[in-house]
Amino acid sequence: MLCRFTIYASSVAPPLGVGYTGIVKPEHKSSAINRLKTVRGHLEGVIRMVEDERYCPDIMKQVSALQGSLEGVNRILLQNHIETCVLDHVEHGRSEQVVDELLETLRYAPGLPTTKGP
């Protein structure tokens, strides 16, 4: 089992994330950390651009690139979540919790659906 949770005495499922003790697949962790470190360096460069009062559209282009990089990190984390926690929930018959959790997770992934139903 990849996704570990604390067992609760109640028959009601705990709120999302409560009891989560964490697991990130090594390949996803490495990729996310590398991307975040790249973003950190890029962000420092953009801060210097603002300090140096560079041309606003040039700064905005770099901010957009940073946003794209961060969205890439979110995609990696979403993939990890699906491959670990979501699969664990499905294997243990917690399909309703899977749907709720995925909808909550997708709130942080721009351009993807965020509500149930049509």
PDB file of N, CA and C in Angstrom:
ATOM      1  N   MET A   1       0.846  -1.176   0.000  1.00  0.00           N
ATOM      2  CA  MET A   1       0.000   0.000   0.000  1.00  0.00           C
ATOM      3  C   MET A   1       0.889   1.234   0.000  1.00  0.00           C
ATOM      4  N   LEU A   2       0.683   2.123  -0.953  1.00  0.00           N
ATOM      5  CA  LEU A   2       1.517   3.303  -1.072  1.00  0.00           C
ATOM      6  C   LEU A   2       1.012   4.482  -0.256  1.00  0.00           C
ATOM      7  N   CYS A   3      -0.281   4.631  -0.136  1.00  0.00           N
ATOM      8  CA  CYS A   3      -0.850   5.768   0.564  1.00  0.00           C
ATOM      9  C   CYS A   3      -1.268   5.312   1.952  1.00  0.00           C
ATOM     10  N   ARG A   4      -0.672   5.890   2.974  1.00  0.00           N
ATOM     11  CA  ARG A   4      -0.936   5.430   4.332  1.00  0.00           C
ATOM     12  C   ARG A   4      -1.822   6.418   5.069  1.00  0.00           C
ATOM     13  N   PHE A   5      -2.821   5.893   5.755  1.00  0.00           N
ATOM     14  CA  PHE A   5      -3.737   6.732   6.510  1.00  0.00           C
ATOM     15  C   PHE A   5      -3.878   6.217   7.931  1.00  0.00           C
ATOM     16  N   THR A   6      -4.129   7.136   8.852  1.00  0.00           N
ATOM     17  CA  THR A   6      -4.441   6.778  10.217  1.00  0.00           C
ATOM     18  C   THR A   6      -5.865   6.259  10.240  1.00  0.00           C
ATOM     19  N   ILE A   7      -6.118   5.199  10.969  1.00  0.00           N
ATOM     20  CA  ILE A   7      -7.452   4.631  11.074  1.00  0.00           C
ATOM     21  C   ILE A   7      -8.238   5.380  12.142  1.00  0.00           C
ATOM     22  N   TYR A   8      -9.480   5.739  11.820  1.00  0.00           N
ATOM     23  CA  TYR A   8     -10.345   6.449  12.749  1.00  0.00           C
ATOM     24  C   TYR A   8     -11.430   5.512  13.251  1.00  0.00           C
ATOM     25  N   ALA A   9     -11.842   5.684  14.495  1.00  0.00           N
ATOM     26  CA  ALA A   9     -12.876   4.845  15.092  1.00  0.00           C
ATOM     27  C   ALA A   9     -14.234   5.123  14.465  1.00  0.00           C
ATOM     28  N   SER A  10     -14.455   6.310  13.977  1.00  0.00           N
ATOM     29  CA  SER A  10     -15.726   6.705  13.391  1.00  0.00           C
ATOM     30  C   SER A  10     -15.926   6.011  12.053  1.00  0.00           C
ATOM     31  N   SER A  11     -17.191   5.787  11.696  1.00  0.00           N
ATOM     32  CA  SER A  11     -17.494   5.204  10.386  1.00  0.00           C
ATOM     33  C   SER A  11     -17.476   6.273   9.294  1.00  0.00           C
ATOM     34  N   VAL A  12     -17.381   7.546   9.695  1.00  0.00           N
ATOM     35  CA  VAL A  12     -17.326   8.650   8.744  1.00  0.00           C
ATOM     36  C   VAL A  12     -15.884   8.844   8.298  1.00  0.00           C
ATOM     37  N   ALA A  13     -15.686   8.998   6.997  1.00  0.00           N
ATOM     38  CA  ALA A  13     -14.332   9.205   6.477  1.00  0.00           C
ATOM     39  C   ALA A  13     -13.793  10.539   6.990  1.00  0.00           C
ATOM     40  N   PRO A  14     -12.509  10.604   7.309  1.00  0.00           N
ATOM     41  CA  PRO A  14     -11.928  11.863   7.771  1.00  0.00           C
ATOM     42  C   PRO A  14     -11.893  12.873   6.635  1.00  0.00           C
ATOM     43  N   PRO A  15     -11.790  14.154   6.963  1.00  0.00           N
ATOM     44  CA  PRO A  15     -11.677  15.170   5.908  1.00  0.00           C
ATOM     45  C   PRO A  15     -10.466  14.891   5.026  1.00  0.00           C
ATOM     46  N   LEU A  16     -10.502  15.407   3.815  1.00  0.00           N
ATOM     47  CA  LEU A  16      -9.409  15.194   2.874  1.00  0.00           C
ATOM     48  C   LEU A  16      -8.073  15.565   3.492  1.00  0.00           C
ATOM     49  N   GLY A  17      -7.116  14.697   3.350  1.00  0.00           N
ATOM     50  CA  GLY A  17      -5.766  14.961   3.836  1.00  0.00           C
ATOM     51  C   GLY A  17      -5.547  14.631   5.297  1.00  0.00           C
ATOM     52  N   VAL A  18      -6.605  14.494   6.076  1.00  0.00           N
ATOM     53  CA  VAL A  18      -6.451  14.177   7.494  1.00  0.00           C
ATOM     54  C   VAL A  18      -6.009  12.729   7.621  1.00  0.00           C
ATOM     55  N   GLY A  19      -4.953  12.507   8.369  1.00  0.00           N
ATOM     56  CA  GLY A  19      -4.440  11.157   8.556  1.00  0.00           C
ATOM     57  C   GLY A  19      -3.410  10.749   7.518  1.00  0.00           C
ATOM     58  N   TYR A  20      -3.195  11.576   6.528  1.00  0.00           N
ATOM     59  CA  TYR A  20      -2.226  11.271   5.483  1.00  0.00           C
ATOM     60  C   TYR A  20      -0.827  11.314   6.058  1.00  0.00           C
ATOM     61  N   THR A  21      -0.077  10.247   5.870  1.00  0.00           N
ATOM     62  CA  THR A  21       1.289  10.213   6.394  1.00  0.00           C
ATOM     63  C   THR A  21       2.327  10.339   5.292  1.00  0.00           C
ATOM     64  N   GLY A  22       1.883  10.401   4.050  1.00  0.00           N
ATOM     65  CA  GLY A  22       2.751  10.775   2.952  1.00  0.00           C
ATOM     66  C   GLY A  22       3.498   9.679   2.238  1.00  0.00           C
ATOM     67  N   ILE A  23       3.460   9.760   0.945  1.00  0.00           N
ATOM     68  CA  ILE A  23       4.331   8.976   0.077  1.00  0.00           C
ATOM     69  C   ILE A  23       4.362   9.677  -1.272  1.00  0.00           C
ATOM     70  N   VAL A  24       5.531   9.960  -1.715  1.00  0.00           N
ATOM     71  CA  VAL A  24       5.716  10.498  -3.052  1.00  0.00           C
ATOM     72  C   VAL A  24       6.704   9.562  -3.731  1.00  0.00           C
ATOM     73  N   LYS A  25       6.296   9.059  -4.887  1.00  0.00           N
ATOM     74  CA  LYS A  25       7.181   8.157  -5.618  1.00  0.00           C
ATOM     75  C   LYS A  25       8.497   8.878  -5.888  1.00  0.00           C
ATOM     76  N   PRO A  26       9.617   8.180  -5.737  1.00  0.00           N
ATOM     77  CA  PRO A  26      10.928   8.832  -5.895  1.00  0.00           C
ATOM     78  C   PRO A  26      11.090   9.581  -7.216  1.00  0.00           C
ATOM     79  N   GLU A  27      10.586   9.013  -8.307  1.00  0.00           N
ATOM     80  CA  GLU A  27      10.747   9.681  -9.600  1.00  0.00           C
ATOM     81  C   GLU A  27       9.934  10.975  -9.659  1.00  0.00           C
ATOM     82  N   HIS A  28       8.763  10.983  -9.027  1.00  0.00           N
ATOM     83  CA  HIS A  28       7.952  12.202  -9.001  1.00  0.00           C
ATOM     84  C   HIS A  28       8.568  13.238  -8.054  1.00  0.00           C
ATOM     85  N   LYS A  29       9.060  12.773  -6.934  1.00  0.00           N
ATOM     86  CA  LYS A  29       9.682  13.688  -5.968  1.00  0.00           C
ATOM     87  C   LYS A  29      10.883  14.382  -6.598  1.00  0.00           C
ATOM     88  N   SER A  30      11.740  13.609  -7.241  1.00  0.00           N
ATOM     89  CA  SER A  30      12.937  14.151  -7.873  1.00  0.00           C
ATOM     90  C   SER A  30      12.572  15.166  -8.957  1.00  0.00           C
ATOM     91  N   SER A  31      11.603  14.814  -9.781  1.00  0.00           N
ATOM     92  CA  SER A  31      11.195  15.698 -10.860  1.00  0.00           C
ATOM     93  C   SER A  31      10.591  16.991 -10.309  1.00  0.00           C
ATOM     94  N   ALA A  32       9.729  16.884  -9.314  1.00  0.00           N
ATOM     95  CA  ALA A  32       9.102  18.077  -8.728  1.00  0.00           C
ATOM     96  C   ALA A  32      10.148  18.975  -8.077  1.00  0.00           C
ATOM     97  N   ILE A  33      11.060  18.389  -7.328  1.00  0.00           N
ATOM     98  CA  ILE A  33      12.093  19.186  -6.658  1.00  0.00           C
ATOM     99  C   ILE A  33      12.990  19.881  -7.685  1.00  0.00           C
ATOM    100  N   ASN A  34      13.396  19.167  -8.717  1.00  0.00           N
ATOM    101  CA  ASN A  34      14.241  19.779  -9.749  1.00  0.00           C
ATOM    102  C   ASN A  34      13.524  20.947 -10.427  1.00  0.00           C
ATOM    103  N   ARG A  35      12.254  20.752 -10.755  1.00  0.00           N
ATOM    104  CA  ARG A  35      11.496  21.828 -11.391  1.00  0.00           C
ATOM    105  C   ARG A  35      11.348  23.020 -10.449  1.00  0.00           C
ATOM    106  N   LEU A  36      11.073  22.749  -9.169  1.00  0.00           N
ATOM    107  CA  LEU A  36      10.913  23.841  -8.206  1.00  0.00           C
ATOM    108  C   LEU A  36      12.215  24.615  -8.002  1.00  0.00           C
ATOM    109  N   LYS A  37      13.326  23.917  -8.016  1.00  0.00           N
ATOM    110  CA  LYS A  37      14.610  24.609  -7.901  1.00  0.00           C
ATOM    111  C   LYS A  37      14.878  25.475  -9.123  1.00  0.00           C
ATOM    112  N   THR A  38      14.484  24.990 -10.283  1.00  0.00           N
ATOM    113  CA  THR A  38      14.611  25.786 -11.505  1.00  0.00           C
ATOM    114  C   THR A  38      13.728  27.028 -11.417  1.00  0.00           C
ATOM    115  N   VAL A  39      12.501  26.835 -10.922  1.00  0.00           N
ATOM    116  CA  VAL A  39      11.586  27.967 -10.752  1.00  0.00           C
ATOM    117  C   VAL A  39      12.180  28.983  -9.779  1.00  0.00           C
ATOM    118  N   ARG A  40      12.785  28.501  -8.713  1.00  0.00           N
ATOM    119  CA  ARG A  40      13.389  29.405  -7.723  1.00  0.00           C
ATOM    120  C   ARG A  40      14.445  30.292  -8.378  1.00  0.00           C
ATOM    121  N   GLY A  41      15.303  29.686  -9.190  1.00  0.00           N
ATOM    122  CA  GLY A  41      16.329  30.462  -9.891  1.00  0.00           C
ATOM    123  C   GLY A  41      15.720  31.447 -10.879  1.00  0.00           C
ATOM    124  N   HIS A  42      14.705  30.987 -11.598  1.00  0.00           N
ATOM    125  CA  HIS A  42      14.023  31.835 -12.567  1.00  0.00           C
ATOM    126  C   HIS A  42      13.350  33.003 -11.851  1.00  0.00           C
ATOM    127  N   LEU A  43      12.714  32.726 -10.711  1.00  0.00           N
ATOM    128  CA  LEU A  43      12.045  33.768  -9.938  1.00  0.00           C
ATOM    129  C   LEU A  43      13.038  34.836  -9.479  1.00  0.00           C
ATOM    130  N   GLU A  44      14.209  34.420  -9.057  1.00  0.00           N
ATOM    131  CA  GLU A  44      15.242  35.393  -8.654  1.00  0.00           C
ATOM    132  C   GLU A  44      15.583  36.319  -9.822  1.00  0.00           C
ATOM    133  N   GLY A  45      15.645  35.746 -11.020  1.00  0.00           N
ATOM    134  CA  GLY A  45      15.922  36.555 -12.200  1.00  0.00           C
ATOM    135  C   GLY A  45      14.807  37.556 -12.485  1.00  0.00           C
ATOM    136  N   VAL A  46      13.567  37.137 -12.297  1.00  0.00           N
ATOM    137  CA  VAL A  46      12.435  38.032 -12.520  1.00  0.00           C
ATOM    138  C   VAL A  46      12.418  39.141 -11.465  1.00  0.00           C
ATOM    139  N   ILE A  47      12.744  38.806 -10.243  1.00  0.00           N
ATOM    140  CA  ILE A  47      12.834  39.825  -9.192  1.00  0.00           C
ATOM    141  C   ILE A  47      13.865  40.875  -9.577  1.00  0.00           C
ATOM    142  N   ARG A  48      15.021  40.433 -10.106  1.00  0.00           N
ATOM    143  CA  ARG A  48      16.050  41.382 -10.555  1.00  0.00           C
ATOM    144  C   ARG A  48      15.526  42.254 -11.694  1.00  0.00           C
ATOM    145  N   MET A  49      14.727  41.654 -12.580  1.00  0.00           N
ATOM    146  CA  MET A  49      14.150  42.435 -13.679  1.00  0.00           C
ATOM    147  C   MET A  49      13.270  43.559 -13.144  1.00  0.00           C
ATOM    148  N   VAL A  50      12.465  43.263 -12.140  1.00  0.00           N
ATOM    149  CA  VAL A  50      11.592  44.286 -11.549  1.00  0.00           C
ATOM    150  C   VAL A  50      12.440  45.339 -10.849  1.00  0.00           C
ATOM    151  N   GLU A  51      13.429  44.893 -10.089  1.00  0.00           N
ATOM    152  CA  GLU A  51      14.309  45.838  -9.396  1.00  0.00           C
ATOM    153  C   GLU A  51      15.021  46.765 -10.388  1.00  0.00           C
ATOM    154  N   ASP A  52      15.386  46.213 -11.537  1.00  0.00           N
ATOM    155  CA  ASP A  52      16.085  46.987 -12.564  1.00  0.00           C
ATOM    156  C   ASP A  52      15.126  47.770 -13.454  1.00  0.00           C
ATOM    157  N   GLU A  53      13.827  47.676 -13.147  1.00  0.00           N
ATOM    158  CA  GLU A  53      12.793  48.392 -13.889  1.00  0.00           C
ATOM    159  C   GLU A  53      12.829  48.077 -15.378  1.00  0.00           C
ATOM    160  N   ARG A  54      12.918  46.786 -15.679  1.00  0.00           N
ATOM    161  CA  ARG A  54      12.913  46.343 -17.077  1.00  0.00           C
ATOM    162  C   ARG A  54      11.537  46.554 -17.688  1.00  0.00           C
ATOM    163  N   TYR A  55      11.460  46.425 -18.979  1.00  0.00           N
ATOM    164  CA  TYR A  55      10.240  46.629 -19.753  1.00  0.00           C
ATOM    165  C   TYR A  55       9.155  45.657 -19.262  1.00  0.00           C
ATOM    166  N   CYS A  56       7.986  46.226 -18.884  1.00  0.00           N
ATOM    167  CA  CYS A  56       6.910  45.436 -18.259  1.00  0.00           C
ATOM    168  C   CYS A  56       6.506  44.193 -19.064  1.00  0.00           C
ATOM    169  N   PRO A  57       6.292  44.300 -20.386  1.00  0.00           N
ATOM    170  CA  PRO A  57       5.916  43.088 -21.134  1.00  0.00           C
ATOM    171  C   PRO A  57       6.984  41.987 -21.053  1.00  0.00           C
ATOM    172  N   ASP A  58       8.255  42.365 -20.964  1.00  0.00           N
ATOM    173  CA  ASP A  58       9.305  41.351 -20.815  1.00  0.00           C
ATOM    174  C   ASP A  58       9.182  40.642 -19.471  1.00  0.00           C
ATOM    175  N   ILE A  59       8.891  41.415 -18.427  1.00  0.00           N
ATOM    176  CA  ILE A  59       8.712  40.815 -17.099  1.00  0.00           C
ATOM    177  C   ILE A  59       7.482  39.915 -17.104  1.00  0.00           C
ATOM    178  N   MET A  60       6.406  40.404 -17.701  1.00  0.00           N
ATOM    179  CA  MET A  60       5.168  39.625 -17.742  1.00  0.00           C
ATOM    180  C   MET A  60       5.367  38.306 -18.479  1.00  0.00           C
ATOM    181  N   LYS A  61       6.174  38.326 -19.525  1.00  0.00           N
ATOM    182  CA  LYS A  61       6.466  37.094 -20.264  1.00  0.00           C
ATOM    183  C   LYS A  61       7.164  36.086 -19.350  1.00  0.00           C
ATOM    184  N   GLN A  62       8.088  36.576 -18.527  1.00  0.00           N
ATOM    185  CA  GLN A  62       8.811  35.697 -17.613  1.00  0.00           C
ATOM    186  C   GLN A  62       7.903  35.178 -16.495  1.00  0.00           C
ATOM    187  N   VAL A  63       7.004  36.039 -16.015  1.00  0.00           N
ATOM    188  CA  VAL A  63       6.039  35.598 -14.996  1.00  0.00           C
ATOM    189  C   VAL A  63       5.151  34.496 -15.576  1.00  0.00           C
ATOM    190  N   SER A  64       4.729  34.659 -16.821  1.00  0.00           N
ATOM    191  CA  SER A  64       3.916  33.635 -17.479  1.00  0.00           C
ATOM    192  C   SER A  64       4.685  32.319 -17.591  1.00  0.00           C
ATOM    193  N   ALA A  65       5.959  32.411 -17.912  1.00  0.00           N
ATOM    194  CA  ALA A  65       6.795  31.205 -17.990  1.00  0.00           C
ATOM    195  C   ALA A  65       6.897  30.529 -16.618  1.00  0.00           C
ATOM    196  N   LEU A  66       7.023  31.336 -15.563  1.00  0.00           N
ATOM    197  CA  LEU A  66       7.058  30.784 -14.205  1.00  0.00           C
ATOM    198  C   LEU A  66       5.750  30.072 -13.878  1.00  0.00           C
ATOM    199  N   GLN A  67       4.636  30.677 -14.244  1.00  0.00           N
ATOM    200  CA  GLN A  67       3.346  30.051 -13.985  1.00  0.00           C
ATOM    201  C   GLN A  67       3.244  28.704 -14.708  1.00  0.00           C
ATOM    202  N   GLY A  68       3.720  28.654 -15.936  1.00  0.00           N
ATOM    203  CA  GLY A  68       3.714  27.401 -16.688  1.00  0.00           C
ATOM    204  C   GLY A  68       4.577  26.344 -16.016  1.00  0.00           C
ATOM    205  N   SER A  69       5.719  26.759 -15.511  1.00  0.00           N
ATOM    206  CA  SER A  69       6.600  25.816 -14.816  1.00  0.00           C
ATOM    207  C   SER A  69       5.948  25.283 -13.554  1.00  0.00           C
ATOM    208  N   LEU A  70       5.292  26.163 -12.812  1.00  0.00           N
ATOM    209  CA  LEU A  70       4.606  25.725 -11.590  1.00  0.00           C
ATOM    210  C   LEU A  70       3.429  24.808 -11.914  1.00  0.00           C
ATOM    211  N   GLU A  71       2.737  25.070 -13.007  1.00  0.00           N
ATOM    212  CA  GLU A  71       1.660  24.173 -13.423  1.00  0.00           C
ATOM    213  C   GLU A  71       2.220  22.795 -13.765  1.00  0.00           C
ATOM    214  N   GLY A  72       3.439  22.761 -14.309  1.00  0.00           N
ATOM    215  CA  GLY A  72       4.097  21.483 -14.579  1.00  0.00           C
ATOM    216  C   GLY A  72       4.360  20.709 -13.295  1.00  0.00           C
ATOM    217  N   VAL A  73       4.750  21.410 -12.245  1.00  0.00           N
ATOM    218  CA  VAL A  73       4.950  20.767 -10.942  1.00  0.00           C
ATOM    219  C   VAL A  73       3.618  20.210 -10.451  1.00  0.00           C
ATOM    220  N   ASN A  74       2.550  20.983 -10.590  1.00  0.00           N
ATOM    221  CA  ASN A  74       1.235  20.496 -10.179  1.00  0.00           C
ATOM    222  C   ASN A  74       0.832  19.235 -10.936  1.00  0.00           C
ATOM    223  N   ARG A  75       1.145  19.168 -12.239  1.00  0.00           N
ATOM    224  CA  ARG A  75       0.826  17.971 -13.017  1.00  0.00           C
ATOM    225  C   ARG A  75       1.572  16.756 -12.480  1.00  0.00           C
ATOM    226  N   ILE A  76       2.827  16.953 -12.101  1.00  0.00           N
ATOM    227  CA  ILE A  76       3.613  15.852 -11.522  1.00  0.00           C
ATOM    228  C   ILE A  76       2.982  15.396 -10.207  1.00  0.00           C
ATOM    229  N   LEU A  77       2.614  16.360  -9.370  1.00  0.00           N
ATOM    230  CA  LEU A  77       2.015  16.023  -8.080  1.00  0.00           C
ATOM    231  C   LEU A  77       0.655  15.354  -8.251  1.00  0.00           C
ATOM    232  N   LEU A  78      -0.123  15.809  -9.235  1.00  0.00           N
ATOM    233  CA  LEU A  78      -1.406  15.173  -9.518  1.00  0.00           C
ATOM    234  C   LEU A  78      -1.192  13.732  -9.973  1.00  0.00           C
ATOM    235  N   GLN A  79      -0.229  13.529 -10.842  1.00  0.00           N
ATOM    236  CA  GLN A  79       0.072  12.170 -11.298  1.00  0.00           C
ATOM    237  C   GLN A  79       0.450  11.290 -10.117  1.00  0.00           C
ATOM    238  N   ASN A  80       1.290  11.801  -9.221  1.00  0.00           N
ATOM    239  CA  ASN A  80       1.671  11.027  -8.045  1.00  0.00           C
ATOM    240  C   ASN A  80       0.446  10.714  -7.191  1.00  0.00           C
ATOM    241  N   HIS A  81      -0.421  11.701  -6.997  1.00  0.00           N
ATOM    242  CA  HIS A  81      -1.611  11.509  -6.173  1.00  0.00           C
ATOM    243  C   HIS A  81      -2.499  10.412  -6.759  1.00  0.00           C
ATOM    244  N   ILE A  82      -2.678  10.443  -8.077  1.00  0.00           N
ATOM    245  CA  ILE A  82      -3.506   9.430  -8.730  1.00  0.00           C
ATOM    246  C   ILE A  82      -2.869   8.049  -8.602  1.00  0.00           C
ATOM    247  N   GLU A  83      -1.558   7.975  -8.792  1.00  0.00           N
ATOM    248  CA  GLU A  83      -0.867   6.688  -8.754  1.00  0.00           C
ATOM    249  C   GLU A  83      -0.746   6.120  -7.340  1.00  0.00           C
ATOM    250  N   THR A  84      -0.922   6.935  -6.327  1.00  0.00           N
ATOM    251  CA  THR A  84      -0.771   6.452  -4.953  1.00  0.00           C
ATOM    252  C   THR A  84      -2.107   6.496  -4.217  1.00  0.00           C
ATOM    253  N   CYS A  85      -2.506   7.648  -3.774  1.00  0.00           N
ATOM    254  CA  CYS A  85      -3.705   7.793  -2.931  1.00  0.00           C
ATOM    255  C   CYS A  85      -4.983   7.367  -3.636  1.00  0.00           C
ATOM    256  N   VAL A  86      -5.184   7.835  -4.860  1.00  0.00           N
ATOM    257  CA  VAL A  86      -6.426   7.516  -5.566  1.00  0.00           C
ATOM    258  C   VAL A  86      -6.532   6.005  -5.779  1.00  0.00           C
ATOM    259  N   LEU A  87      -5.469   5.383  -6.243  1.00  0.00           N
ATOM    260  CA  LEU A  87      -5.507   3.936  -6.439  1.00  0.00           C
ATOM    261  C   LEU A  87      -5.758   3.204  -5.129  1.00  0.00           C
ATOM    262  N   ASP A  88      -5.172   3.685  -4.050  1.00  0.00           N
ATOM    263  CA  ASP A  88      -5.388   3.067  -2.744  1.00  0.00           C
ATOM    264  C   ASP A  88      -6.859   3.172  -2.337  1.00  0.00           C
ATOM    265  N   HIS A  89      -7.452   4.350  -2.538  1.00  0.00           N
ATOM    266  CA  HIS A  89      -8.870   4.530  -2.205  1.00  0.00           C
ATOM    267  C   HIS A  89      -9.741   3.579  -3.031  1.00  0.00           C
ATOM    268  N   VAL A  90      -9.467   3.462  -4.320  1.00  0.00           N
ATOM    269  CA  VAL A  90     -10.240   2.589  -5.189  1.00  0.00           C
ATOM    270  C   VAL A  90     -10.110   1.143  -4.728  1.00  0.00           C
ATOM    271  N   GLU A  91      -8.886   0.727  -4.433  1.00  0.00           N
ATOM    272  CA  GLU A  91      -8.650  -0.650  -3.984  1.00  0.00           C
ATOM    273  C   GLU A  91      -9.382  -0.974  -2.689  1.00  0.00           C
ATOM    274  N   HIS A  92      -9.627   0.048  -1.869  1.00  0.00           N
ATOM    275  CA  HIS A  92     -10.294  -0.164  -0.587  1.00  0.00           C
ATOM    276  C   HIS A  92     -11.765   0.252  -0.608  1.00  0.00           C
ATOM    277  N   GLY A  93     -12.326   0.403  -1.804  1.00  0.00           N
ATOM    278  CA  GLY A  93     -13.755   0.662  -1.938  1.00  0.00           C
ATOM    279  C   GLY A  93     -14.219   2.036  -1.496  1.00  0.00           C
ATOM    280  N   ARG A  94     -13.344   3.002  -1.525  1.00  0.00           N
ATOM    281  CA  ARG A  94     -13.715   4.358  -1.105  1.00  0.00           C
ATOM    282  C   ARG A  94     -13.889   5.257  -2.333  1.00  0.00           C
ATOM    283  N   SER A  95     -14.734   4.812  -3.270  1.00  0.00           N
ATOM    284  CA  SER A  95     -14.875   5.542  -4.531  1.00  0.00           C
ATOM    285  C   SER A  95     -15.483   6.928  -4.346  1.00  0.00           C
ATOM    286  N   GLU A  96     -16.418   7.095  -3.416  1.00  0.00           N
ATOM    287  CA  GLU A  96     -17.000   8.423  -3.197  1.00  0.00           C
ATOM    288  C   GLU A  96     -15.933   9.397  -2.710  1.00  0.00           C
ATOM    289  N   GLN A  97     -15.065   8.914  -1.817  1.00  0.00           N
ATOM    290  CA  GLN A  97     -13.989   9.766  -1.325  1.00  0.00           C
ATOM    291  C   GLN A  97     -13.027  10.111  -2.459  1.00  0.00           C
ATOM    292  N   VAL A  98     -12.804   9.170  -3.378  1.00  0.00           N
ATOM    293  CA  VAL A  98     -11.922   9.421  -4.520  1.00  0.00           C
ATOM    294  C   VAL A  98     -12.453  10.583  -5.346  1.00  0.00           C
ATOM    295  N   VAL A  99     -13.747  10.565  -5.640  1.00  0.00           N
ATOM    296  CA  VAL A  99     -14.335  11.621  -6.459  1.00  0.00           C
ATOM    297  C   VAL A  99     -14.196  12.966  -5.756  1.00  0.00           C
ATOM    298  N   ASP A 100     -14.569  13.016  -4.481  1.00  0.00           N
ATOM    299  CA  ASP A 100     -14.468  14.270  -3.731  1.00  0.00           C
ATOM    300  C   ASP A 100     -13.036  14.778  -3.681  1.00  0.00           C
ATOM    301  N   GLU A 101     -12.110  13.862  -3.439  1.00  0.00           N
ATOM    302  CA  GLU A 101     -10.705  14.244  -3.326  1.00  0.00           C
ATOM    303  C   GLU A 101     -10.151  14.726  -4.654  1.00  0.00           C
ATOM    304  N   LEU A 102     -10.499  14.049  -5.742  1.00  0.00           N
ATOM    305  CA  LEU A 102     -10.015  14.482  -7.054  1.00  0.00           C
ATOM    306  C   LEU A 102     -10.589  15.842  -7.432  1.00  0.00           C
ATOM    307  N   LEU A 103     -11.863  16.058  -7.136  1.00  0.00           N
ATOM    308  CA  LEU A 103     -12.445  17.370  -7.430  1.00  0.00           C
ATOM    309  C   LEU A 103     -11.753  18.457  -6.629  1.00  0.00           C
ATOM    310  N   GLU A 104     -11.438  18.188  -5.384  1.00  0.00           N
ATOM    311  CA  GLU A 104     -10.702  19.157  -4.566  1.00  0.00           C
ATOM    312  C   GLU A 104      -9.315  19.403  -5.160  1.00  0.00           C
ATOM    313  N   THR A 105      -8.649  18.344  -5.548  1.00  0.00           N
ATOM    314  CA  THR A 105      -7.302  18.444  -6.116  1.00  0.00           C
ATOM    315  C   THR A 105      -7.310  19.237  -7.416  1.00  0.00           C
ATOM    316  N   LEU A 106      -8.315  19.011  -8.243  1.00  0.00           N
ATOM    317  CA  LEU A 106      -8.374  19.672  -9.546  1.00  0.00           C
ATOM    318  C   LEU A 106      -8.626  21.173  -9.437  1.00  0.00           C
ATOM    319  N   ARG A 107      -9.055  21.634  -8.274  1.00  0.00           N
ATOM    320  CA  ARG A 107      -9.206  23.085  -8.067  1.00  0.00           C
ATOM    321  C   ARG A 107      -7.875  23.800  -8.283  1.00  0.00           C
ATOM    322  N   TYR A 108      -6.788  23.075  -8.081  1.00  0.00           N
ATOM    323  CA  TYR A 108      -5.456  23.665  -8.174  1.00  0.00           C
ATOM    324  C   TYR A 108      -4.798  23.395  -9.521  1.00  0.00           C
ATOM    325  N   ALA A 109      -5.567  22.858 -10.461  1.00  0.00           N
ATOM    326  CA  ALA A 109      -5.052  22.565 -11.797  1.00  0.00           C
ATOM    327  C   ALA A 109      -5.868  23.372 -12.807  1.00  0.00           C
ATOM    328  N   PRO A 110      -5.435  24.574 -13.153  1.00  0.00           N
ATOM    329  CA  PRO A 110      -6.194  25.431 -14.068  1.00  0.00           C
ATOM    330  C   PRO A 110      -6.526  24.734 -15.380  1.00  0.00           C
ATOM    331  N   GLY A 111      -7.720  25.020 -15.876  1.00  0.00           N
ATOM    332  CA  GLY A 111      -8.121  24.475 -17.166  1.00  0.00           C
ATOM    333  C   GLY A 111      -8.763  23.106 -17.094  1.00  0.00           C
ATOM    334  N   LEU A 112      -8.834  22.522 -15.911  1.00  0.00           N
ATOM    335  CA  LEU A 112      -9.477  21.219 -15.755  1.00  0.00           C
ATOM    336  C   LEU A 112     -10.793  21.395 -15.020  1.00  0.00           C
ATOM    337  N   PRO A 113     -11.749  20.469 -15.206  1.00  0.00           N
ATOM    338  CA  PRO A 113     -13.049  20.621 -14.560  1.00  0.00           C
ATOM    339  C   PRO A 113     -12.925  20.595 -13.034  1.00  0.00           C
ATOM    340  N   THR A 114     -13.817  21.341 -12.357  1.00  0.00           N
ATOM    341  CA  THR A 114     -13.744  21.423 -10.899  1.00  0.00           C
ATOM    342  C   THR A 114     -15.066  21.092 -10.209  1.00  0.00           C
ATOM    343  N   THR A 115     -16.098  20.674 -10.968  1.00  0.00           N
ATOM    344  CA  THR A 115     -17.371  20.352 -10.337  1.00  0.00           C
ATOM    345  C   THR A 115     -17.888  19.020 -10.831  1.00  0.00           C
ATOM    346  N   LYS A 116     -18.750  18.390 -10.022  1.00  0.00           N
ATOM    347  CA  LYS A 116     -19.404  17.139 -10.400  1.00  0.00           C
ATOM    348  C   LYS A 116     -20.519  17.436 -11.389  1.00  0.00           C
ATOM    349  N   GLY A 117     -20.856  16.445 -12.174  1.00  0.00           N
ATOM    350  CA  GLY A 117     -22.046  16.518 -13.012  1.00  0.00           C
ATOM    351  C   GLY A 117     -21.909  17.380 -14.245  1.00  0.00           C
ATOM    352  N   PRO A 118     -23.014  17.461 -15.021  1.00  0.00           N
ATOM    353  CA  PRO A 118     -23.001  18.221 -16.278  1.00  0.00           C
ATOM    354  C   PRO A 118     -22.959  19.716 -16.079  1.00  0.00           C
TER     355      PRO A 118
END
